Amino acid sequence: MGSADGLSKHPYVREGRRIRALTTVREQDVAVHSQPGLLARPFADAVGVGWYPIDIHRAGADDVGVSTRTRPFQIPLVPCCRCASTA
């Protein structure tokens, strides 16, 4: 961090935001309109499962309501911090 005590010189600096993920979870990986099966795209390094809509806005032309429905999806391993590689 460039300081004698090893603490950040600036508050709220989050190094995790500079991480470039190996895998980016995309709408097409989890959305009902892109995944014809019962489950979303699998990830080899999955550490959890989610099943909730994407965002609170319409993400696709055929969506009704205020969100995009998803299939149950796996959550790939990510560094522990406030980061996720999504598009």
Protein backbone atom coordinates (compact mmCIF):
# COMPACT_ATOMS: atom_id res chain seq x y z
CA MET A 1 0.00 0.00 0.00
CA GLY A 2 3.02 2.29 0.09
CA SER A 3 2.78 3.18 3.79
CA ALA A 4 4.93 2.22 6.78
CA ASP A 5 2.07 0.41 8.56
CA GLY A 6 0.74 -1.36 5.45
CA LEU A 7 -2.62 0.41 5.54
CA SER A 8 -4.09 2.17 2.55
CA LYS A 9 -3.22 5.84 2.12
CA HIS A 10 -6.78 6.48 0.93
CA PRO A 11 -9.92 5.26 2.69
CA TYR A 12 -12.26 2.86 0.89
CA VAL A 13 -9.75 1.71 -1.72
CA ARG A 14 -10.94 -1.69 -2.89
CA GLU A 15 -8.29 -3.64 -4.70
CA GLY A 16 -10.88 -6.25 -5.68
CA ARG A 17 -12.37 -3.90 -8.23
CA ARG A 18 -9.18 -4.19 -10.26
CA ILE A 19 -9.46 -7.95 -10.65
CA ARG A 20 -10.04 -9.30 -14.15
CA ALA A 21 -12.21 -12.39 -13.87
CA LEU A 22 -11.50 -15.60 -15.77
CA THR A 23 -15.24 -16.07 -16.34
CA THR A 24 -17.87 -13.43 -16.94
CA VAL A 25 -21.46 -14.37 -16.10
CA ARG A 26 -23.68 -12.99 -18.84
CA GLU A 27 -27.43 -12.64 -19.22
CA GLN A 28 -27.33 -15.35 -21.89
CA ASP A 29 -25.81 -17.79 -19.37
CA VAL A 30 -28.75 -17.62 -16.94
CA ALA A 31 -31.83 -16.05 -18.60
CA VAL A 32 -34.89 -18.19 -19.38
CA HIS A 33 -34.99 -16.92 -22.98
CA SER A 34 -31.42 -18.12 -23.59
CA GLN A 35 -31.34 -21.38 -21.63
CA PRO A 36 -33.82 -24.00 -22.96
CA GLY A 37 -33.24 -26.61 -20.23
CA LEU A 38 -34.30 -26.68 -16.59
CA LEU A 39 -30.98 -25.22 -15.39
CA ALA A 40 -28.69 -22.44 -16.54
CA ARG A 41 -25.17 -22.88 -17.91
CA PRO A 42 -22.99 -24.90 -15.50
CA PHE A 43 -19.67 -23.60 -14.16
CA ALA A 44 -16.88 -26.06 -13.25
CA ASP A 45 -15.77 -23.94 -10.27
CA ALA A 46 -19.27 -23.32 -8.83
CA VAL A 47 -19.46 -22.48 -5.13
CA GLY A 48 -23.15 -21.67 -4.81
CA VAL A 49 -26.53 -21.61 -6.48
CA GLY A 50 -28.82 -18.68 -7.20
CA TRP A 51 -32.28 -18.29 -8.67
CA TYR A 52 -33.46 -14.72 -8.82
CA PRO A 53 -34.34 -12.30 -11.63
CA ILE A 54 -31.79 -10.14 -13.42
CA ASP A 55 -31.86 -6.47 -12.41
CA ILE A 56 -35.08 -4.52 -12.02
CA HIS A 57 -35.27 -3.32 -15.62
CA ARG A 58 -36.19 -5.05 -18.84
CA ALA A 59 -33.13 -6.74 -20.25
CA GLY A 60 -34.60 -8.39 -23.35
CA ALA A 61 -37.17 -7.47 -25.97
CA ASP A 62 -39.57 -10.31 -25.05
CA ASP A 63 -39.54 -9.76 -21.28
CA VAL A 64 -42.70 -8.73 -19.50
CA GLY A 65 -42.75 -7.07 -16.12
CA VAL A 66 -39.78 -5.32 -14.60
CA SER A 67 -37.16 -8.07 -14.61
CA THR A 68 -35.72 -10.93 -16.64
CA ARG A 69 -36.50 -14.40 -15.36
CA THR A 70 -33.63 -16.85 -14.90
CA ARG A 71 -33.09 -20.58 -14.62
CA PRO A 72 -31.50 -21.81 -11.38
CA PHE A 73 -27.84 -20.89 -11.91
CA GLN A 74 -24.48 -21.72 -10.42
CA ILE A 75 -22.28 -19.00 -8.98
CA PRO A 76 -18.65 -19.40 -10.06
CA LEU A 77 -15.78 -18.90 -7.64
CA VAL A 78 -14.92 -15.22 -7.27
CA PRO A 79 -12.45 -13.39 -5.04
CA CYS A 80 -13.88 -12.41 -1.66
CA CYS A 81 -14.77 -8.73 -1.85
CA ARG A 82 -17.33 -6.51 -3.54
CA CYS A 83 -16.61 -7.69 -7.03
CA ALA A 84 -18.27 -9.89 -9.60
CA SER A 85 -17.58 -10.25 -13.26
CA THR A 86 -20.94 -9.69 -14.93
CA ALA A 87 -22.03 -8.09 -18.15
